Amino acid sequence: MAIIRQTNKKTGITYVIDSESYWDKEKQQPRSRRKIIGKIDPVTGEVVPTNRHQKRKTVSAGGSPASSTVKSAGDETRADQARILELEEQVSKLQKQKDELLKELDLLTARYRD
C-alpha cells in the first residue's frame, strides 16, 4: 500500500489517496485499488479527511444540526472580519512607512547627485 498525492487540474485541490496494487488473475494484469483519504488544506498543509458516507451528527435537547452550523459559521465570519480589519491596519501602517522611506531615499539621492 502506498500513499500518493494527486492534484485535480480543474479545481487545483490536492487529494491524498491510499493505493494498493494487486494482480488480476483473469486479465493477467496488475491492477490497483484506490481509496481517497482526504484533501490537503492549502492554508495549513494538513490532510482534511473526506468521507462521503459520514452520517450526520445528532444534536440533543431539540436543537437541529443546521442551527449549530449557523452559529459556528457566524463565529468564523466575525473572526474573519476582525482579522481583515487587523490586516488592513497593518497595510496602512506599512504604506506610511514606505512613503517615509521613499522620501528619505529621494533626499539621499539628491544629496549625492549634487
PDB file of N, CA and C in Angstrom:
ATOM      1  N   MET A   1       0.838  -1.171   0.000  1.00  0.00           N
ATOM      2  CA  MET A   1       0.000   0.000   0.000  1.00  0.00           C
ATOM      3  C   MET A   1       0.889   1.241   0.000  1.00  0.00           C
ATOM      4  N   ALA A   2       0.478   2.185  -0.796  1.00  0.00           N
ATOM      5  CA  ALA A   2       1.237   3.418  -0.912  1.00  0.00           C
ATOM      6  C   ALA A   2       0.289   4.602  -0.794  1.00  0.00           C
ATOM      7  N   ILE A   3       0.786   5.662  -0.232  1.00  0.00           N
ATOM      8  CA  ILE A   3       0.005   6.887  -0.134  1.00  0.00           C
ATOM      9  C   ILE A   3       0.536   7.843  -1.187  1.00  0.00           C
ATOM     10  N   ILE A   4      -0.361   8.299  -2.053  1.00  0.00           N
ATOM     11  CA  ILE A   4       0.041   9.194  -3.130  1.00  0.00           C
ATOM     12  C   ILE A   4      -0.760  10.487  -3.057  1.00  0.00           C
ATOM     13  N   ARG A   5      -0.215  11.511  -3.693  1.00  0.00           N
ATOM     14  CA  ARG A   5      -0.902  12.805  -3.795  1.00  0.00           C
ATOM     15  C   ARG A   5      -1.256  13.022  -5.257  1.00  0.00           C
ATOM     16  N   GLN A   6      -2.500  13.450  -5.479  1.00  0.00           N
ATOM     17  CA  GLN A   6      -2.952  13.673  -6.842  1.00  0.00           C
ATOM     18  C   GLN A   6      -3.699  14.999  -6.883  1.00  0.00           C
ATOM     19  N   THR A   7      -3.304  15.882  -7.815  1.00  0.00           N
ATOM     20  CA  THR A   7      -3.908  17.202  -7.924  1.00  0.00           C
ATOM     21  C   THR A   7      -4.936  17.212  -9.049  1.00  0.00           C
ATOM     22  N   ASN A   8      -6.112  17.722  -8.738  1.00  0.00           N
ATOM     23  CA  ASN A   8      -7.163  17.907  -9.733  1.00  0.00           C
ATOM     24  C   ASN A   8      -6.835  19.181 -10.498  1.00  0.00           C
ATOM     25  N   LYS A   9      -6.616  19.072 -11.800  1.00  0.00           N
ATOM     26  CA  LYS A   9      -6.187  20.227 -12.591  1.00  0.00           C
ATOM     27  C   LYS A   9      -7.260  21.290 -12.706  1.00  0.00           C
ATOM     28  N   LYS A  10      -8.529  20.896 -12.705  1.00  0.00           N
ATOM     29  CA  LYS A  10      -9.615  21.870 -12.835  1.00  0.00           C
ATOM     30  C   LYS A  10      -9.790  22.693 -11.569  1.00  0.00           C
ATOM     31  N   THR A  11      -9.770  22.043 -10.404  1.00  0.00           N
ATOM     32  CA  THR A  11     -10.026  22.742  -9.149  1.00  0.00           C
ATOM     33  C   THR A  11      -8.757  23.139  -8.408  1.00  0.00           C
ATOM     34  N   GLY A  12      -7.644  22.467  -8.693  1.00  0.00           N
ATOM     35  CA  GLY A  12      -6.398  22.759  -8.006  1.00  0.00           C
ATOM     36  C   GLY A  12      -6.306  22.098  -6.641  1.00  0.00           C
ATOM     37  N   ILE A  13      -7.271  21.265  -6.292  1.00  0.00           N
ATOM     38  CA  ILE A  13      -7.272  20.594  -4.995  1.00  0.00           C
ATOM     39  C   ILE A  13      -6.374  19.369  -5.066  1.00  0.00           C
ATOM     40  N   THR A  14      -5.531  19.196  -4.049  1.00  0.00           N
ATOM     41  CA  THR A  14      -4.653  18.035  -3.984  1.00  0.00           C
ATOM     42  C   THR A  14      -5.267  17.020  -3.037  1.00  0.00           C
ATOM     43  N   TYR A  15      -5.503  15.820  -3.550  1.00  0.00           N
ATOM     44  CA  TYR A  15      -6.094  14.742  -2.765  1.00  0.00           C
ATOM     45  C   TYR A  15      -5.008  13.776  -2.321  1.00  0.00           C
ATOM     46  N   VAL A  16      -5.206  13.192  -1.148  1.00  0.00           N
ATOM     47  CA  VAL A  16      -4.318  12.157  -0.631  1.00  0.00           C
ATOM     48  C   VAL A  16      -5.052  10.836  -0.810  1.00  0.00           C
ATOM     49  N   ILE A  17      -4.396   9.894  -1.506  1.00  0.00           N
ATOM     50  CA  ILE A  17      -5.045   8.646  -1.885  1.00  0.00           C
ATOM     51  C   ILE A  17      -4.218   7.457  -1.400  1.00  0.00           C
ATOM     52  N   ASP A  18      -4.908   6.448  -0.860  1.00  0.00           N
ATOM     53  CA  ASP A  18      -4.272   5.197  -0.474  1.00  0.00           C
ATOM     54  C   ASP A  18      -4.418   4.234  -1.645  1.00  0.00           C
ATOM     55  N   SER A  19      -3.307   3.838  -2.220  1.00  0.00           N
ATOM     56  CA  SER A  19      -3.322   2.989  -3.407  1.00  0.00           C
ATOM     57  C   SER A  19      -2.720   1.625  -3.081  1.00  0.00           C
ATOM     58  N   GLU A  20      -3.441   0.569  -3.469  1.00  0.00           N
ATOM     59  CA  GLU A  20      -2.967  -0.794  -3.237  1.00  0.00           C
ATOM     60  C   GLU A  20      -2.915  -1.527  -4.579  1.00  0.00           C
ATOM     61  N   SER A  21      -1.763  -2.058  -4.922  1.00  0.00           N
ATOM     62  CA  SER A  21      -1.613  -2.808  -6.172  1.00  0.00           C
ATOM     63  C   SER A  21      -1.878  -4.286  -5.927  1.00  0.00           C
ATOM     64  N   TYR A  22      -2.504  -4.942  -6.924  1.00  0.00           N
ATOM     65  CA  TYR A  22      -2.751  -6.381  -6.835  1.00  0.00           C
ATOM     66  C   TYR A  22      -2.744  -6.975  -8.245  1.00  0.00           C
ATOM     67  N   TRP A  23      -2.651  -8.285  -8.329  1.00  0.00           N
ATOM     68  CA  TRP A  23      -2.605  -8.983  -9.602  1.00  0.00           C
ATOM     69  C   TRP A  23      -3.996  -9.512  -9.942  1.00  0.00           C
ATOM     70  N   ASP A  24      -4.493  -9.136 -11.109  1.00  0.00           N
ATOM     71  CA  ASP A  24      -5.780  -9.625 -11.591  1.00  0.00           C
ATOM     72  C   ASP A  24      -5.534 -10.928 -12.340  1.00  0.00           C
ATOM     73  N   LYS A  25      -6.008 -12.043 -11.754  1.00  0.00           N
ATOM     74  CA  LYS A  25      -5.753 -13.356 -12.344  1.00  0.00           C
ATOM     75  C   LYS A  25      -6.477 -13.552 -13.672  1.00  0.00           C
ATOM     76  N   GLU A  26      -7.676 -12.986 -13.790  1.00  0.00           N
ATOM     77  CA  GLU A  26      -8.451 -13.181 -15.022  1.00  0.00           C
ATOM     78  C   GLU A  26      -7.810 -12.476 -16.215  1.00  0.00           C
ATOM     79  N   LYS A  27      -7.412 -11.251 -16.027  1.00  0.00           N
ATOM     80  CA  LYS A  27      -6.857 -10.474 -17.136  1.00  0.00           C
ATOM     81  C   LYS A  27      -5.339 -10.575 -17.222  1.00  0.00           C
ATOM     82  N   GLN A  28      -4.753 -11.210 -16.242  1.00  0.00           N
ATOM     83  CA  GLN A  28      -3.301 -11.366 -16.193  1.00  0.00           C
ATOM     84  C   GLN A  28      -2.594 -10.007 -16.295  1.00  0.00           C
ATOM     85  N   GLN A  29      -3.094  -9.049 -15.501  1.00  0.00           N
ATOM     86  CA  GLN A  29      -2.521  -7.694 -15.474  1.00  0.00           C
ATOM     87  C   GLN A  29      -2.523  -7.165 -14.046  1.00  0.00           C
ATOM     88  N   PRO A  30      -1.588  -6.287 -13.759  1.00  0.00           N
ATOM     89  CA  PRO A  30      -1.639  -5.638 -12.444  1.00  0.00           C
ATOM     90  C   PRO A  30      -2.762  -4.603 -12.405  1.00  0.00           C
ATOM     91  N   ARG A  31      -3.415  -4.488 -11.295  1.00  0.00           N
ATOM     92  CA  ARG A  31      -4.482  -3.516 -11.087  1.00  0.00           C
ATOM     93  C   ARG A  31      -4.226  -2.804  -9.761  1.00  0.00           C
ATOM     94  N   SER A  32      -5.015  -1.768  -9.526  1.00  0.00           N
ATOM     95  CA  SER A  32      -4.861  -1.067  -8.245  1.00  0.00           C
ATOM     96  C   SER A  32      -6.223  -0.712  -7.680  1.00  0.00           C
ATOM     97  N   ARG A  33      -6.277  -0.731  -6.369  1.00  0.00           N
ATOM     98  CA  ARG A  33      -7.452  -0.254  -5.639  1.00  0.00           C
ATOM     99  C   ARG A  33      -7.060   1.066  -5.004  1.00  0.00           C
ATOM    100  N   ARG A  34      -7.913   2.057  -5.179  1.00  0.00           N
ATOM    101  CA  ARG A  34      -7.611   3.375  -4.616  1.00  0.00           C
ATOM    102  C   ARG A  34      -8.733   3.825  -3.710  1.00  0.00           C
ATOM    103  N   LYS A  35      -8.345   4.458  -2.611  1.00  0.00           N
ATOM    104  CA  LYS A  35      -9.318   4.981  -1.661  1.00  0.00           C
ATOM    105  C   LYS A  35      -8.860   6.379  -1.249  1.00  0.00           C
ATOM    106  N   ILE A  36      -9.763   7.354  -1.389  1.00  0.00           N
ATOM    107  CA  ILE A  36      -9.413   8.724  -1.029  1.00  0.00           C
ATOM    108  C   ILE A  36      -9.407   8.850   0.484  1.00  0.00           C
ATOM    109  N   ILE A  37      -8.289   9.332   1.012  1.00  0.00           N
ATOM    110  CA  ILE A  37      -8.159   9.551   2.448  1.00  0.00           C
ATOM    111  C   ILE A  37      -8.666  10.940   2.803  1.00  0.00           C
ATOM    112  N   GLY A  38      -8.281  11.919   2.015  1.00  0.00           N
ATOM    113  CA  GLY A  38      -8.685  13.293   2.291  1.00  0.00           C
ATOM    114  C   GLY A  38      -8.081  14.229   1.271  1.00  0.00           C
ATOM    115  N   LYS A  39      -8.173  15.524   1.581  1.00  0.00           N
ATOM    116  CA  LYS A  39      -7.553  16.524   0.713  1.00  0.00           C
ATOM    117  C   LYS A  39      -6.659  17.405   1.552  1.00  0.00           C
ATOM    118  N   ILE A  40      -5.692  18.035   0.908  1.00  0.00           N
ATOM    119  CA  ILE A  40      -4.725  18.861   1.609  1.00  0.00           C
ATOM    120  C   ILE A  40      -5.266  20.280   1.714  1.00  0.00           C
ATOM    121  N   ASP A  41      -5.286  20.808   2.937  1.00  0.00           N
ATOM    122  CA  ASP A  41      -5.728  22.183   3.166  1.00  0.00           C
ATOM    123  C   ASP A  41      -4.634  23.113   2.663  1.00  0.00           C
ATOM    124  N   PRO A  42      -4.940  24.037   1.717  1.00  0.00           N
ATOM    125  CA  PRO A  42      -3.897  24.888   1.151  1.00  0.00           C
ATOM    126  C   PRO A  42      -3.295  25.868   2.152  1.00  0.00           C
ATOM    127  N   VAL A  43      -4.028  26.211   3.200  1.00  0.00           N
ATOM    128  CA  VAL A  43      -3.531  27.179   4.180  1.00  0.00           C
ATOM    129  C   VAL A  43      -2.564  26.521   5.157  1.00  0.00           C
ATOM    130  N   THR A  44      -2.992  25.408   5.756  1.00  0.00           N
ATOM    131  CA  THR A  44      -2.182  24.765   6.784  1.00  0.00           C
ATOM    132  C   THR A  44      -1.306  23.650   6.256  1.00  0.00           C
ATOM    133  N   GLY A  45      -1.670  23.072   5.104  1.00  0.00           N
ATOM    134  CA  GLY A  45      -0.907  21.964   4.563  1.00  0.00           C
ATOM    135  C   GLY A  45      -1.257  20.630   5.202  1.00  0.00           C
ATOM    136  N   GLU A  46      -2.278  20.611   6.061  1.00  0.00           N
ATOM    137  CA  GLU A  46      -2.686  19.384   6.727  1.00  0.00           C
ATOM    138  C   GLU A  46      -3.695  18.631   5.866  1.00  0.00           C
ATOM    139  N   VAL A  47      -3.816  17.330   6.138  1.00  0.00           N
ATOM    140  CA  VAL A  47      -4.774  16.500   5.425  1.00  0.00           C
ATOM    141  C   VAL A  47      -6.130  16.623   6.122  1.00  0.00           C
ATOM    142  N   VAL A  48      -7.153  17.019   5.355  1.00  0.00           N
ATOM    143  CA  VAL A  48      -8.510  17.125   5.879  1.00  0.00           C
ATOM    144  C   VAL A  48      -9.264  15.888   5.407  1.00  0.00           C
ATOM    145  N   PRO A  49      -9.734  15.041   6.339  1.00  0.00           N
ATOM    146  CA  PRO A  49     -10.420  13.813   5.927  1.00  0.00           C
ATOM    147  C   PRO A  49     -11.691  14.104   5.140  1.00  0.00           C
ATOM    148  N   THR A  50     -11.940  13.294   4.128  1.00  0.00           N
ATOM    149  CA  THR A  50     -13.185  13.382   3.373  1.00  0.00           C
ATOM    150  C   THR A  50     -13.872  12.036   3.476  1.00  0.00           C
ATOM    151  N   ASN A  51     -15.148  12.073   3.796  1.00  0.00           N
ATOM    152  CA  ASN A  51     -15.913  10.845   3.912  1.00  0.00           C
ATOM    153  C   ASN A  51     -17.314  11.138   3.424  1.00  0.00           C
ATOM    154  N   ARG A  52     -17.650  10.674   2.250  1.00  0.00           N
ATOM    155  CA  ARG A  52     -18.953  10.942   1.649  1.00  0.00           C
ATOM    156  C   ARG A  52     -20.082  10.255   2.402  1.00  0.00           C
ATOM    157  N   HIS A  53     -19.790   9.157   3.050  1.00  0.00           N
ATOM    158  CA  HIS A  53     -20.826   8.362   3.684  1.00  0.00           C
ATOM    159  C   HIS A  53     -20.940   8.647   5.176  1.00  0.00           C
ATOM    160  N   GLN A  54     -20.389   9.733   5.618  1.00  0.00           N
ATOM    161  CA  GLN A  54     -20.421  10.073   7.036  1.00  0.00           C
ATOM    162  C   GLN A  54     -21.847  10.491   7.424  1.00  0.00           C
ATOM    163  N   LYS A  55     -22.347   9.894   8.502  1.00  0.00           N
ATOM    164  CA  LYS A  55     -23.698  10.208   8.949  1.00  0.00           C
ATOM    165  C   LYS A  55     -23.704  11.536   9.683  1.00  0.00           C
ATOM    166  N   ARG A  56     -24.830  12.230   9.605  1.00  0.00           N
ATOM    167  CA  ARG A  56     -24.963  13.499  10.312  1.00  0.00           C
ATOM    168  C   ARG A  56     -24.971  13.258  11.803  1.00  0.00           C
ATOM    169  N   LYS A  57     -24.361  14.171  12.520  1.00  0.00           N
ATOM    170  CA  LYS A  57     -24.355  14.068  13.970  1.00  0.00           C
ATOM    171  C   LYS A  57     -25.705  14.531  14.496  1.00  0.00           C
ATOM    172  N   THR A  58     -26.218  13.808  15.481  1.00  0.00           N
ATOM    173  CA  THR A  58     -27.496  14.208  16.066  1.00  0.00           C
ATOM    174  C   THR A  58     -27.233  15.165  17.203  1.00  0.00           C
ATOM    175  N   VAL A  59     -28.099  16.153  17.324  1.00  0.00           N
ATOM    176  CA  VAL A  59     -27.956  17.159  18.371  1.00  0.00           C
ATOM    177  C   VAL A  59     -29.056  16.935  19.385  1.00  0.00           C
ATOM    178  N   SER A  60     -28.699  16.815  20.652  1.00  0.00           N
ATOM    179  CA  SER A  60     -29.689  16.570  21.683  1.00  0.00           C
ATOM    180  C   SER A  60     -30.363  17.869  22.109  1.00  0.00           C
ATOM    181  N   ALA A  61     -31.384  17.761  22.949  1.00  0.00           N
ATOM    182  CA  ALA A  61     -32.148  18.884  23.507  1.00  0.00           C
ATOM    183  C   ALA A  61     -32.903  19.640  22.425  1.00  0.00           C
ATOM    184  N   GLY A  62     -33.349  18.961  21.389  1.00  0.00           N
ATOM    185  CA  GLY A  62     -34.227  19.565  20.401  1.00  0.00           C
ATOM    186  C   GLY A  62     -33.547  20.498  19.422  1.00  0.00           C
ATOM    187  N   GLY A  63     -32.241  20.671  19.515  1.00  0.00           N
ATOM    188  CA  GLY A  63     -31.541  21.538  18.565  1.00  0.00           C
ATOM    189  C   GLY A  63     -31.346  20.829  17.248  1.00  0.00           C
ATOM    190  N   SER A  64     -31.218  21.579  16.212  1.00  0.00           N
ATOM    191  CA  SER A  64     -31.017  20.965  14.907  1.00  0.00           C
ATOM    192  C   SER A  64     -29.562  21.117  14.496  1.00  0.00           C
ATOM    193  N   PRO A  65     -29.041  20.200  13.690  1.00  0.00           N
ATOM    194  CA  PRO A  65     -27.661  20.331  13.228  1.00  0.00           C
ATOM    195  C   PRO A  65     -27.439  21.611  12.446  1.00  0.00           C
ATOM    196  N   ALA A  66     -28.457  22.075  11.731  1.00  0.00           N
ATOM    197  CA  ALA A  66     -28.316  23.286  10.931  1.00  0.00           C
ATOM    198  C   ALA A  66     -28.084  24.501  11.816  1.00  0.00           C
ATOM    199  N   SER A  67     -28.777  24.571  12.975  1.00  0.00           N
ATOM    200  CA  SER A  67     -28.613  25.738  13.833  1.00  0.00           C
ATOM    201  C   SER A  67     -27.212  25.800  14.418  1.00  0.00           C
ATOM    202  N   SER A  68     -26.629  24.632  14.775  1.00  0.00           N
ATOM    203  CA  SER A  68     -25.267  24.650  15.298  1.00  0.00           C
ATOM    204  C   SER A  68     -24.278  25.036  14.211  1.00  0.00           C
ATOM    205  N   THR A  69     -24.551  24.641  12.971  1.00  0.00           N
ATOM    206  CA  THR A  69     -23.686  25.008  11.860  1.00  0.00           C
ATOM    207  C   THR A  69     -23.735  26.505  11.612  1.00  0.00           C
ATOM    208  N   VAL A  70     -24.922  27.086  11.712  1.00  0.00           N
ATOM    209  CA  VAL A  70     -25.070  28.522  11.501  1.00  0.00           C
ATOM    210  C   VAL A  70     -24.310  29.294  12.567  1.00  0.00           C
ATOM    211  N   LYS A  71     -24.386  28.833  13.809  1.00  0.00           N
ATOM    212  CA  LYS A  71     -23.677  29.521  14.887  1.00  0.00           C
ATOM    213  C   LYS A  71     -22.176  29.496  14.647  1.00  0.00           C
ATOM    214  N   SER A  72     -21.648  28.336  14.295  1.00  0.00           N
ATOM    215  CA  SER A  72     -20.201  28.255  14.090  1.00  0.00           C
ATOM    216  C   SER A  72     -19.780  29.058  12.866  1.00  0.00           C
ATOM    217  N   ALA A  73     -20.614  29.082  11.824  1.00  0.00           N
ATOM    218  CA  ALA A  73     -20.294  29.879  10.645  1.00  0.00           C
ATOM    219  C   ALA A  73     -20.304  31.358  10.983  1.00  0.00           C
ATOM    220  N   GLY A  74     -21.239  31.783  11.830  1.00  0.00           N
ATOM    221  CA  GLY A  74     -21.287  33.182  12.256  1.00  0.00           C
ATOM    222  C   GLY A  74     -20.057  33.562  13.060  1.00  0.00           C
ATOM    223  N   ASP A  75     -19.606  32.658  13.937  1.00  0.00           N
ATOM    224  CA  ASP A  75     -18.395  32.917  14.718  1.00  0.00           C
ATOM    225  C   ASP A  75     -17.181  33.034  13.812  1.00  0.00           C
ATOM    226  N   GLU A  76     -17.113  32.153  12.817  1.00  0.00           N
ATOM    227  CA  GLU A  76     -15.987  32.204  11.881  1.00  0.00           C
ATOM    228  C   GLU A  76     -16.014  33.493  11.076  1.00  0.00           C
ATOM    229  N   THR A  77     -17.209  33.936  10.690  1.00  0.00           N
ATOM    230  CA  THR A  77     -17.333  35.169   9.919  1.00  0.00           C
ATOM    231  C   THR A  77     -16.853  36.361  10.742  1.00  0.00           C
ATOM    232  N   ARG A  78     -17.257  36.418  12.009  1.00  0.00           N
ATOM    233  CA  ARG A  78     -16.810  37.516  12.873  1.00  0.00           C
ATOM    234  C   ARG A  78     -15.292  37.489  13.054  1.00  0.00           C
ATOM    235  N   ALA A  79     -14.744  36.314  13.238  1.00  0.00           N
ATOM    236  CA  ALA A  79     -13.300  36.189  13.400  1.00  0.00           C
ATOM    237  C   ALA A  79     -12.582  36.614  12.124  1.00  0.00           C
ATOM    238  N   ASP A  80     -13.129  36.229  10.972  1.00  0.00           N
ATOM    239  CA  ASP A  80     -12.538  36.616   9.682  1.00  0.00           C
ATOM    240  C   ASP A  80     -12.585  38.128   9.499  1.00  0.00           C
ATOM    241  N   GLN A  81     -13.712  38.740   9.865  1.00  0.00           N
ATOM    242  CA  GLN A  81     -13.842  40.189   9.725  1.00  0.00           C
ATOM    243  C   GLN A  81     -12.859  40.917  10.640  1.00  0.00           C
ATOM    244  N   ALA A  82     -12.685  40.412  11.862  1.00  0.00           N
ATOM    245  CA  ALA A  82     -11.724  41.019  12.780  1.00  0.00           C
ATOM    246  C   ALA A  82     -10.313  40.907  12.223  1.00  0.00           C
ATOM    247  N   ARG A  83      -9.991  39.757  11.659  1.00  0.00           N
ATOM    248  CA  ARG A  83      -8.664  39.549  11.069  1.00  0.00           C
ATOM    249  C   ARG A  83      -8.456  40.471   9.875  1.00  0.00           C
ATOM    250  N   ILE A  84      -9.496  40.670   9.071  1.00  0.00           N
ATOM    251  CA  ILE A  84      -9.393  41.564   7.910  1.00  0.00           C
ATOM    252  C   ILE A  84      -9.112  42.987   8.367  1.00  0.00           C
ATOM    253  N   LEU A  85      -9.816  43.449   9.404  1.00  0.00           N
ATOM    254  CA  LEU A  85      -9.580  44.799   9.925  1.00  0.00           C
ATOM    255  C   LEU A  85      -8.152  44.946  10.443  1.00  0.00           C
ATOM    256  N   GLU A  86      -7.683  43.935  11.142  1.00  0.00           N
ATOM    257  CA  GLU A  86      -6.314  43.965  11.671  1.00  0.00           C
ATOM    258  C   GLU A  86      -5.298  44.050  10.531  1.00  0.00           C
ATOM    259  N   LEU A  87      -5.505  43.254   9.484  1.00  0.00           N
ATOM    260  CA  LEU A  87      -4.588  43.270   8.351  1.00  0.00           C
ATOM    261  C   LEU A  87      -4.646  44.585   7.586  1.00  0.00           C
ATOM    262  N   GLU A  88      -5.840  45.175   7.478  1.00  0.00           N
ATOM    263  CA  GLU A  88      -5.965  46.469   6.800  1.00  0.00           C
ATOM    264  C   GLU A  88      -5.199  47.551   7.558  1.00  0.00           C
ATOM    265  N   GLU A  89      -5.246  47.501   8.893  1.00  0.00           N
ATOM    266  CA  GLU A  89      -4.476  48.454   9.700  1.00  0.00           C
ATOM    267  C   GLU A  89      -2.979  48.267   9.463  1.00  0.00           C
ATOM    268  N   GLN A  90      -2.534  47.024   9.411  1.00  0.00           N
ATOM    269  CA  GLN A  90      -1.123  46.753   9.165  1.00  0.00           C
ATOM    270  C   GLN A  90      -0.707  47.262   7.794  1.00  0.00           C
ATOM    271  N   VAL A  91      -1.570  47.084   6.797  1.00  0.00           N
ATOM    272  CA  VAL A  91      -1.267  47.548   5.444  1.00  0.00           C
ATOM    273  C   VAL A  91      -1.120  49.067   5.434  1.00  0.00           C
ATOM    274  N   SER A  92      -2.024  49.770   6.101  1.00  0.00           N
ATOM    275  CA  SER A  92      -1.937  51.237   6.104  1.00  0.00           C
ATOM    276  C   SER A  92      -0.663  51.701   6.805  1.00  0.00           C
ATOM    277  N   LYS A  93      -0.282  51.044   7.902  1.00  0.00           N
ATOM    278  CA  LYS A  93       0.968  51.399   8.590  1.00  0.00           C
ATOM    279  C   LYS A  93       2.172  51.167   7.679  1.00  0.00           C
ATOM    280  N   LEU A  94       2.173  50.043   6.988  1.00  0.00           N
ATOM    281  CA  LEU A  94       3.290  49.736   6.098  1.00  0.00           C
ATOM    282  C   LEU A  94       3.354  50.699   4.913  1.00  0.00           C
ATOM    283  N   GLN A  95       2.207  51.138   4.423  1.00  0.00           N
ATOM    284  CA  GLN A  95       2.204  52.108   3.333  1.00  0.00           C
ATOM    285  C   GLN A  95       2.780  53.447   3.802  1.00  0.00           C
ATOM    286  N   LYS A  96       2.464  53.857   5.023  1.00  0.00           N
ATOM    287  CA  LYS A  96       3.034  55.090   5.570  1.00  0.00           C
ATOM    288  C   LYS A  96       4.552  54.973   5.706  1.00  0.00           C
ATOM    289  N   GLN A  97       4.998  53.821   6.209  1.00  0.00           N
ATOM    290  CA  GLN A  97       6.443  53.601   6.342  1.00  0.00           C
ATOM    291  C   GLN A  97       7.110  53.630   4.974  1.00  0.00           C
ATOM    292  N   LYS A  98       6.487  53.032   3.989  1.00  0.00           N
ATOM    293  CA  LYS A  98       7.046  53.013   2.639  1.00  0.00           C
ATOM    294  C   LYS A  98       7.173  54.429   2.099  1.00  0.00           C
ATOM    295  N   ASP A  99       6.133  55.252   2.288  1.00  0.00           N
ATOM    296  CA  ASP A  99       6.170  56.633   1.819  1.00  0.00           C
ATOM    297  C   ASP A  99       7.295  57.417   2.490  1.00  0.00           C
ATOM    298  N   GLU A 100       7.463  57.221   3.801  1.00  0.00           N
ATOM    299  CA  GLU A 100       8.536  57.902   4.534  1.00  0.00           C
ATOM    300  C   GLU A 100       9.914  57.469   4.011  1.00  0.00           C
ATOM    301  N   LEU A 101      10.068  56.168   3.769  1.00  0.00           N
ATOM    302  CA  LEU A 101      11.347  55.668   3.268  1.00  0.00           C
ATOM    303  C   LEU A 101      11.643  56.193   1.857  1.00  0.00           C
ATOM    304  N   LEU A 102      10.619  56.300   1.041  1.00  0.00           N
ATOM    305  CA  LEU A 102      10.821  56.848  -0.305  1.00  0.00           C
ATOM    306  C   LEU A 102      11.238  58.318  -0.249  1.00  0.00           C
ATOM    307  N   LYS A 103      10.667  59.081   0.670  1.00  0.00           N
ATOM    308  CA  LYS A 103      11.060  60.482   0.831  1.00  0.00           C
ATOM    309  C   LYS A 103      12.520  60.590   1.259  1.00  0.00           C
ATOM    310  N   GLU A 104      12.915  59.739   2.225  1.00  0.00           N
ATOM    311  CA  GLU A 104      14.307  59.736   2.674  1.00  0.00           C
ATOM    312  C   GLU A 104      15.244  59.346   1.541  1.00  0.00           C
ATOM    313  N   LEU A 105      14.832  58.372   0.748  1.00  0.00           N
ATOM    314  CA  LEU A 105      15.646  57.939  -0.383  1.00  0.00           C
ATOM    315  C   LEU A 105      15.806  59.069  -1.397  1.00  0.00           C
ATOM    316  N   ASP A 106      14.737  59.793  -1.660  1.00  0.00           N
ATOM    317  CA  ASP A 106      14.823  60.940  -2.584  1.00  0.00           C
ATOM    318  C   ASP A 106      15.784  61.989  -2.062  1.00  0.00           C
ATOM    319  N   LEU A 107      15.739  62.251  -0.743  1.00  0.00           N
ATOM    320  CA  LEU A 107      16.654  63.236  -0.154  1.00  0.00           C
ATOM    321  C   LEU A 107      18.104  62.776  -0.271  1.00  0.00           C
ATOM    322  N   LEU A 108      18.342  61.517  -0.004  1.00  0.00           N
ATOM    323  CA  LEU A 108      19.713  60.994  -0.079  1.00  0.00           C
ATOM    324  C   LEU A 108      20.233  61.007  -1.513  1.00  0.00           C
ATOM    325  N   THR A 109      19.401  60.608  -2.446  1.00  0.00           N
ATOM    326  CA  THR A 109      19.866  60.632  -3.841  1.00  0.00           C
ATOM    327  C   THR A 109      20.106  62.042  -4.329  1.00  0.00           C
ATOM    328  N   ALA A 110      19.305  62.994  -3.850  1.00  0.00           N
ATOM    329  CA  ALA A 110      19.503  64.383  -4.230  1.00  0.00           C
ATOM    330  C   ALA A 110      20.830  64.895  -3.672  1.00  0.00           C
ATOM    331  N   ARG A 111      21.194  64.504  -2.448  1.00  0.00           N
ATOM    332  CA  ARG A 111      22.476  64.932  -1.842  1.00  0.00           C
ATOM    333  C   ARG A 111      23.662  64.393  -2.633  1.00  0.00           C
ATOM    334  N   TYR A 112      23.593  63.104  -3.017  1.00  0.00           N
ATOM    335  CA  TYR A 112      24.723  62.501  -3.707  1.00  0.00           C
ATOM    336  C   TYR A 112      24.857  62.967  -5.154  1.00  0.00           C
ATOM    337  N   ARG A 113      23.783  63.442  -5.746  1.00  0.00           N
ATOM    338  CA  ARG A 113      23.857  63.938  -7.104  1.00  0.00           C
ATOM    339  C   ARG A 113      24.565  65.301  -7.138  1.00  0.00           C
ATOM    340  N   ASP A 114      24.375  66.058  -6.081  1.00  0.00           N
ATOM    341  CA  ASP A 114      24.970  67.409  -6.053  1.00  0.00           C
ATOM    342  C   ASP A 114      26.412  67.380  -5.740  1.00  0.00           C
TER     343      ASP A 114
END
